[in-house]
Amino acid sequence: SSEWEMILKLQFSQKAQTVCAHVKTAVDPQTGKADEIAAGPCAKIALGAMFGYNITMHEKRLTVLVTDHTSGAITTVADKYDYSFLTEEFLEETGFYFKAGAYCGEDKRRLPSEGCEVAFASVNTTHTR
């Protein structure tokens, strides 16, 4: 398992009330590490609000749209982010997958008993090669 299995992370910030798309940069040849950066503007989403997202990877370009179901606003949080630096061999070896969940890591002062909750109304995936 490597950090590259997660090339996209949609992260909600309770403090900022936003959903942002975090992506990986190319590996630095000197350090051997990739950075995680925000791919574009964040979508304003209130805590507890329903929202949807659409993730598309076409020809190694990642696009992520977030739709606020309350206001109808659609924000492009990643606009054709360029992953062309990933080789075909690397993509075959890494074994990417889709994983949805709740990770309560933003507030380090949070007590484990407080938890966090995410509810998925529906999940649809398609894959074409």
N, C-alpha and C. Protein backbone atom coordinates (compact mmCIF):
# COMPACT_ATOMS: atom_id res chain seq x y z
N SER A 1 0.85 -1.18 0.00
CA SER A 1 0.00 0.00 0.00
C SER A 1 0.88 1.24 0.00
N SER A 2 0.49 2.25 -0.76
CA SER A 2 1.28 3.47 -0.81
C SER A 2 0.35 4.67 -0.79
N GLU A 3 0.95 5.83 -0.56
CA GLU A 3 0.14 7.05 -0.56
C GLU A 3 -0.46 7.33 -1.92
N TRP A 4 0.09 6.71 -2.98
CA TRP A 4 -0.41 6.96 -4.32
C TRP A 4 -1.73 6.30 -4.60
N GLU A 5 -2.16 5.39 -3.74
CA GLU A 5 -3.47 4.79 -3.95
C GLU A 5 -4.58 5.82 -3.74
N MET A 6 -4.24 6.94 -3.11
CA MET A 6 -5.22 8.00 -2.86
C MET A 6 -4.78 9.24 -3.65
N ILE A 7 -5.13 9.29 -4.92
CA ILE A 7 -4.72 10.43 -5.74
C ILE A 7 -5.72 11.59 -5.65
N LEU A 8 -6.85 11.35 -4.99
CA LEU A 8 -7.83 12.41 -4.76
C LEU A 8 -8.41 12.24 -3.37
N LYS A 9 -8.46 13.33 -2.63
CA LYS A 9 -9.13 13.31 -1.33
C LYS A 9 -10.07 14.52 -1.28
N LEU A 10 -11.37 14.26 -1.16
CA LEU A 10 -12.33 15.35 -0.94
C LEU A 10 -12.41 15.56 0.55
N GLN A 11 -12.10 16.77 0.99
CA GLN A 11 -12.03 17.02 2.43
C GLN A 11 -12.93 18.18 2.82
N PHE A 12 -13.76 17.93 3.85
CA PHE A 12 -14.64 18.97 4.40
C PHE A 12 -13.93 19.65 5.55
N SER A 13 -13.94 20.97 5.55
CA SER A 13 -13.40 21.75 6.66
C SER A 13 -14.58 22.34 7.43
N GLN A 14 -14.73 21.89 8.66
CA GLN A 14 -15.83 22.42 9.49
C GLN A 14 -15.61 23.89 9.78
N LYS A 15 -14.38 24.27 10.02
CA LYS A 15 -14.07 25.67 10.35
C LYS A 15 -14.40 26.60 9.18
N ALA A 16 -13.97 26.22 7.97
CA ALA A 16 -14.19 27.06 6.78
C ALA A 16 -15.53 26.79 6.10
N GLN A 17 -16.20 25.65 6.46
CA GLN A 17 -17.46 25.25 5.81
C GLN A 17 -17.25 25.08 4.31
N THR A 18 -16.21 24.31 3.94
CA THR A 18 -15.87 24.09 2.54
C THR A 18 -15.55 22.62 2.28
N VAL A 19 -15.69 22.24 1.01
CA VAL A 19 -15.22 20.94 0.52
C VAL A 19 -14.16 21.25 -0.53
N CYS A 20 -12.98 20.67 -0.34
CA CYS A 20 -11.85 20.90 -1.25
C CYS A 20 -11.37 19.58 -1.83
N ALA A 21 -10.83 19.64 -3.04
CA ALA A 21 -10.22 18.48 -3.68
C ALA A 21 -8.71 18.57 -3.49
N HIS A 22 -8.14 17.59 -2.82
CA HIS A 22 -6.69 17.53 -2.63
C HIS A 22 -6.13 16.47 -3.56
N VAL A 23 -5.05 16.81 -4.26
CA VAL A 23 -4.43 15.92 -5.24
C VAL A 23 -2.95 15.79 -4.95
N LYS A 24 -2.30 14.85 -5.62
CA LYS A 24 -0.86 14.63 -5.46
C LYS A 24 -0.10 15.35 -6.56
N THR A 25 1.09 15.84 -6.19
CA THR A 25 2.00 16.41 -7.19
C THR A 25 2.94 15.31 -7.66
N ALA A 26 3.72 15.61 -8.68
CA ALA A 26 4.73 14.65 -9.14
C ALA A 26 5.72 14.41 -8.01
N VAL A 27 6.28 13.22 -7.99
CA VAL A 27 7.27 12.87 -6.97
C VAL A 27 8.54 13.69 -7.20
N ASP A 28 9.02 14.31 -6.13
CA ASP A 28 10.27 15.05 -6.19
C ASP A 28 11.42 14.05 -6.27
N PRO A 29 12.23 14.10 -7.32
CA PRO A 29 13.29 13.10 -7.47
C PRO A 29 14.32 13.13 -6.34
N GLN A 30 14.50 14.28 -5.69
CA GLN A 30 15.49 14.38 -4.61
C GLN A 30 14.97 13.80 -3.30
N THR A 31 13.69 14.01 -3.01
CA THR A 31 13.14 13.53 -1.73
C THR A 31 12.40 12.21 -1.88
N GLY A 32 11.95 11.92 -3.11
CA GLY A 32 11.17 10.71 -3.34
C GLY A 32 9.74 10.83 -2.83
N LYS A 33 9.30 12.03 -2.50
CA LYS A 33 7.96 12.24 -1.96
C LYS A 33 7.12 13.11 -2.88
N ALA A 34 5.81 12.93 -2.77
CA ALA A 34 4.85 13.77 -3.48
C ALA A 34 4.14 14.64 -2.46
N ASP A 35 3.81 15.84 -2.85
CA ASP A 35 3.05 16.72 -1.97
C ASP A 35 1.56 16.56 -2.24
N GLU A 36 0.74 16.94 -1.26
CA GLU A 36 -0.70 16.98 -1.43
C GLU A 36 -1.09 18.44 -1.46
N ILE A 37 -1.80 18.86 -2.53
CA ILE A 37 -2.17 20.26 -2.69
C ILE A 37 -3.66 20.37 -3.01
N ALA A 38 -4.21 21.55 -2.79
CA ALA A 38 -5.60 21.83 -3.21
C ALA A 38 -5.57 22.01 -4.73
N ALA A 39 -6.49 21.35 -5.43
CA ALA A 39 -6.49 21.37 -6.89
C ALA A 39 -7.15 22.61 -7.47
N GLY A 40 -7.88 23.34 -6.68
CA GLY A 40 -8.60 24.50 -7.18
C GLY A 40 -9.38 25.15 -6.07
N PRO A 41 -10.37 25.96 -6.40
CA PRO A 41 -11.18 26.60 -5.36
C PRO A 41 -12.01 25.56 -4.60
N CYS A 42 -12.33 25.87 -3.38
CA CYS A 42 -13.16 24.98 -2.56
C CYS A 42 -14.63 25.37 -2.72
N ALA A 43 -15.51 24.40 -2.55
CA ALA A 43 -16.96 24.66 -2.61
C ALA A 43 -17.46 25.02 -1.22
N LYS A 44 -18.27 26.07 -1.12
CA LYS A 44 -18.88 26.44 0.15
C LYS A 44 -20.04 25.50 0.42
N ILE A 45 -19.93 24.72 1.50
CA ILE A 45 -20.96 23.76 1.89
C ILE A 45 -21.14 23.86 3.40
N ALA A 46 -22.36 24.12 3.85
CA ALA A 46 -22.63 24.23 5.28
C ALA A 46 -22.60 22.86 5.94
N LEU A 47 -22.20 22.85 7.19
CA LEU A 47 -22.21 21.62 7.98
C LEU A 47 -23.62 21.05 7.99
N GLY A 48 -23.77 19.79 7.64
CA GLY A 48 -25.07 19.12 7.63
C GLY A 48 -25.82 19.24 6.32
N ALA A 49 -25.32 20.06 5.39
CA ALA A 49 -26.00 20.25 4.10
C ALA A 49 -25.75 19.05 3.19
N MET A 50 -26.75 18.76 2.36
CA MET A 50 -26.60 17.70 1.36
C MET A 50 -25.83 18.26 0.17
N PHE A 51 -24.89 17.46 -0.33
CA PHE A 51 -24.17 17.84 -1.54
C PHE A 51 -23.82 16.59 -2.32
N GLY A 52 -23.52 16.79 -3.58
CA GLY A 52 -23.11 15.68 -4.44
C GLY A 52 -21.79 16.02 -5.09
N TYR A 53 -21.14 15.00 -5.61
CA TYR A 53 -19.91 15.25 -6.34
C TYR A 53 -19.78 14.30 -7.50
N ASN A 54 -19.09 14.79 -8.52
CA ASN A 54 -18.85 14.00 -9.73
C ASN A 54 -17.35 14.01 -9.98
N ILE A 55 -16.75 12.82 -10.07
CA ILE A 55 -15.32 12.69 -10.29
C ILE A 55 -15.11 12.05 -11.66
N THR A 56 -14.32 12.70 -12.50
CA THR A 56 -14.04 12.18 -13.83
C THR A 56 -12.53 12.21 -14.05
N MET A 57 -12.00 11.08 -14.52
CA MET A 57 -10.59 11.04 -14.94
C MET A 57 -10.61 10.63 -16.41
N HIS A 58 -10.17 11.53 -17.28
CA HIS A 58 -10.14 11.26 -18.72
C HIS A 58 -8.77 11.65 -19.25
N GLU A 59 -8.10 10.69 -19.85
CA GLU A 59 -6.77 10.91 -20.40
C GLU A 59 -5.84 11.56 -19.37
N LYS A 60 -5.87 11.01 -18.15
CA LYS A 60 -5.01 11.44 -17.03
C LYS A 60 -5.27 12.88 -16.60
N ARG A 61 -6.48 13.36 -16.87
CA ARG A 61 -6.88 14.69 -16.39
C ARG A 61 -8.09 14.51 -15.48
N LEU A 62 -7.93 14.98 -14.25
CA LEU A 62 -8.93 14.80 -13.20
C LEU A 62 -9.81 16.04 -13.07
N THR A 63 -11.12 15.83 -13.12
CA THR A 63 -12.08 16.92 -12.91
C THR A 63 -13.04 16.50 -11.81
N VAL A 64 -13.29 17.41 -10.88
CA VAL A 64 -14.21 17.13 -9.77
C VAL A 64 -15.18 18.30 -9.63
N LEU A 65 -16.47 17.99 -9.70
CA LEU A 65 -17.53 18.99 -9.50
C LEU A 65 -18.24 18.69 -8.19
N VAL A 66 -18.52 19.73 -7.41
CA VAL A 66 -19.29 19.59 -6.17
C VAL A 66 -20.56 20.41 -6.33
N THR A 67 -21.71 19.78 -6.07
CA THR A 67 -23.01 20.45 -6.18
C THR A 67 -23.63 20.58 -4.80
N ASP A 68 -23.93 21.81 -4.40
CA ASP A 68 -24.64 22.09 -3.15
C ASP A 68 -26.12 21.89 -3.42
N HIS A 69 -26.73 20.88 -2.81
CA HIS A 69 -28.14 20.58 -3.08
C HIS A 69 -29.09 21.61 -2.48
N THR A 70 -28.61 22.43 -1.54
CA THR A 70 -29.45 23.48 -0.96
C THR A 70 -29.58 24.67 -1.91
N SER A 71 -28.44 25.17 -2.41
CA SER A 71 -28.46 26.36 -3.27
C SER A 71 -28.45 26.03 -4.75
N GLY A 72 -28.03 24.81 -5.10
CA GLY A 72 -27.90 24.44 -6.50
C GLY A 72 -26.57 24.86 -7.10
N ALA A 73 -25.72 25.52 -6.31
CA ALA A 73 -24.42 25.98 -6.81
C ALA A 73 -23.53 24.79 -7.16
N ILE A 74 -22.87 24.90 -8.31
CA ILE A 74 -21.92 23.88 -8.74
C ILE A 74 -20.53 24.52 -8.78
N THR A 75 -19.58 23.91 -8.08
CA THR A 75 -18.22 24.42 -8.03
C THR A 75 -17.27 23.37 -8.60
N THR A 76 -16.42 23.79 -9.53
CA THR A 76 -15.39 22.91 -10.06
C THR A 76 -14.20 23.01 -9.11
N VAL A 77 -14.00 21.98 -8.28
CA VAL A 77 -12.93 22.02 -7.28
C VAL A 77 -11.62 21.43 -7.82
N ALA A 78 -11.69 20.77 -8.96
CA ALA A 78 -10.50 20.33 -9.68
C ALA A 78 -10.85 20.40 -11.16
N ASP A 79 -10.12 21.20 -11.91
CA ASP A 79 -10.45 21.41 -13.32
C ASP A 79 -9.36 20.83 -14.21
N LYS A 80 -9.58 19.58 -14.62
CA LYS A 80 -8.64 18.89 -15.50
C LYS A 80 -7.22 18.90 -14.93
N TYR A 81 -7.11 18.57 -13.62
CA TYR A 81 -5.79 18.49 -12.99
C TYR A 81 -4.96 17.47 -13.74
N ASP A 82 -3.75 17.85 -14.12
CA ASP A 82 -2.91 17.06 -15.02
C ASP A 82 -2.11 15.99 -14.27
N TYR A 83 -2.50 14.74 -14.47
CA TYR A 83 -1.77 13.60 -13.92
C TYR A 83 -0.98 12.89 -15.02
N SER A 84 -0.61 13.60 -16.08
CA SER A 84 0.11 12.96 -17.19
C SER A 84 1.48 12.46 -16.78
N PHE A 85 1.99 12.89 -15.64
CA PHE A 85 3.29 12.40 -15.18
C PHE A 85 3.22 10.96 -14.67
N LEU A 86 2.02 10.41 -14.51
CA LEU A 86 1.88 9.01 -14.10
C LEU A 86 2.01 8.11 -15.32
N THR A 87 2.95 7.19 -15.27
CA THR A 87 3.16 6.29 -16.41
C THR A 87 2.11 5.18 -16.41
N GLU A 88 1.89 4.58 -17.57
CA GLU A 88 0.94 3.47 -17.68
C GLU A 88 1.36 2.32 -16.77
N GLU A 89 2.65 2.03 -16.74
CA GLU A 89 3.16 0.96 -15.88
C GLU A 89 2.84 1.24 -14.41
N PHE A 90 3.07 2.47 -14.00
CA PHE A 90 2.79 2.86 -12.63
C PHE A 90 1.29 2.70 -12.31
N LEU A 91 0.44 3.13 -13.22
CA LEU A 91 -1.00 3.02 -13.01
C LEU A 91 -1.43 1.57 -12.89
N GLU A 92 -0.86 0.69 -13.68
CA GLU A 92 -1.19 -0.74 -13.62
C GLU A 92 -0.73 -1.36 -12.29
N GLU A 93 0.45 -0.99 -11.82
CA GLU A 93 1.03 -1.57 -10.61
C GLU A 93 0.36 -1.06 -9.33
N THR A 94 -0.13 0.16 -9.34
CA THR A 94 -0.62 0.78 -8.11
C THR A 94 -1.97 0.24 -7.67
N GLY A 95 -2.88 -0.01 -8.59
CA GLY A 95 -4.18 -0.56 -8.22
C GLY A 95 -5.09 0.44 -7.52
N PHE A 96 -5.46 1.49 -8.22
CA PHE A 96 -6.35 2.50 -7.64
C PHE A 96 -7.73 1.94 -7.40
N TYR A 97 -8.45 2.55 -6.47
CA TYR A 97 -9.81 2.13 -6.15
C TYR A 97 -10.58 3.32 -5.60
N PHE A 98 -11.90 3.20 -5.58
CA PHE A 98 -12.77 4.23 -5.02
C PHE A 98 -13.12 3.85 -3.59
N LYS A 99 -12.96 4.79 -2.67
CA LYS A 99 -13.26 4.53 -1.27
C LYS A 99 -13.97 5.76 -0.72
N ALA A 100 -15.12 5.55 -0.12
CA ALA A 100 -15.87 6.64 0.48
C ALA A 100 -15.96 6.40 1.98
N GLY A 101 -15.78 7.45 2.76
CA GLY A 101 -15.85 7.27 4.20
C GLY A 101 -15.75 8.59 4.94
N ALA A 102 -15.73 8.49 6.24
CA ALA A 102 -15.61 9.66 7.11
C ALA A 102 -14.33 9.51 7.92
N TYR A 103 -13.51 10.52 7.88
CA TYR A 103 -12.25 10.52 8.60
C TYR A 103 -12.23 11.75 9.50
N CYS A 104 -12.24 11.54 10.77
CA CYS A 104 -12.37 12.63 11.75
C CYS A 104 -11.00 13.18 12.14
N GLY A 105 -10.19 13.56 11.18
CA GLY A 105 -8.83 13.95 11.49
C GLY A 105 -8.58 15.44 11.53
N GLU A 106 -9.55 16.28 11.18
CA GLU A 106 -9.29 17.71 11.09
C GLU A 106 -9.02 18.34 12.45
N ASP A 107 -9.80 18.02 13.44
CA ASP A 107 -9.68 18.64 14.76
C ASP A 107 -8.95 17.66 15.68
N LYS A 108 -7.68 17.91 15.90
CA LYS A 108 -6.86 17.00 16.72
C LYS A 108 -7.30 17.01 18.19
N ARG A 109 -8.04 18.02 18.61
CA ARG A 109 -8.50 18.09 20.00
C ARG A 109 -9.78 17.29 20.21
N ARG A 110 -10.38 16.81 19.15
CA ARG A 110 -11.63 16.07 19.24
C ARG A 110 -11.43 14.80 20.06
N LEU A 111 -12.40 14.50 20.90
CA LEU A 111 -12.37 13.27 21.68
C LEU A 111 -12.86 12.12 20.80
N PRO A 112 -12.23 10.94 20.90
CA PRO A 112 -12.68 9.81 20.08
C PRO A 112 -14.17 9.49 20.28
N SER A 113 -14.70 9.76 21.47
CA SER A 113 -16.11 9.48 21.74
C SER A 113 -17.05 10.42 20.99
N GLU A 114 -16.55 11.58 20.51
CA GLU A 114 -17.39 12.52 19.78
C GLU A 114 -17.68 12.02 18.37
N GLY A 115 -16.70 11.39 17.75
CA GLY A 115 -16.89 10.83 16.42
C GLY A 115 -17.25 11.85 15.37
N CYS A 116 -17.64 11.36 14.21
CA CYS A 116 -18.16 12.18 13.12
C CYS A 116 -19.07 11.28 12.30
N GLU A 117 -19.92 11.89 11.51
CA GLU A 117 -20.89 11.09 10.78
C GLU A 117 -21.04 11.60 9.36
N VAL A 118 -21.07 10.67 8.43
CA VAL A 118 -21.33 10.96 7.03
C VAL A 118 -22.37 9.96 6.56
N ALA A 119 -23.37 10.43 5.84
CA ALA A 119 -24.39 9.53 5.29
C ALA A 119 -24.38 9.67 3.77
N PHE A 120 -24.34 8.55 3.07
CA PHE A 120 -24.37 8.55 1.62
C PHE A 120 -25.78 8.19 1.17
N ALA A 121 -26.41 9.09 0.40
CA ALA A 121 -27.75 8.83 -0.10
C ALA A 121 -27.70 7.84 -1.26
N SER A 122 -26.66 7.94 -2.09
CA SER A 122 -26.47 6.98 -3.17
C SER A 122 -25.04 7.09 -3.67
N VAL A 123 -24.55 6.00 -4.23
CA VAL A 123 -23.23 5.96 -4.83
C VAL A 123 -23.34 5.24 -6.16
N ASN A 124 -22.89 5.88 -7.21
CA ASN A 124 -22.87 5.28 -8.55
C ASN A 124 -21.47 5.40 -9.11
N THR A 125 -20.97 4.32 -9.69
CA THR A 125 -19.65 4.37 -10.32
C THR A 125 -19.73 3.75 -11.71
N THR A 126 -18.91 4.26 -12.60
CA THR A 126 -18.74 3.63 -13.90
C THR A 126 -17.26 3.67 -14.22
N HIS A 127 -16.82 2.72 -14.98
CA HIS A 127 -15.41 2.66 -15.36
C HIS A 127 -15.32 2.17 -16.79
N THR A 128 -14.63 2.94 -17.59
CA THR A 128 -14.38 2.51 -18.97
C THR A 128 -12.89 2.67 -19.22
N ARG A 129 -12.38 1.85 -20.05
CA ARG A 129 -10.95 1.89 -20.34
C ARG A 129 -10.73 2.35 -21.73
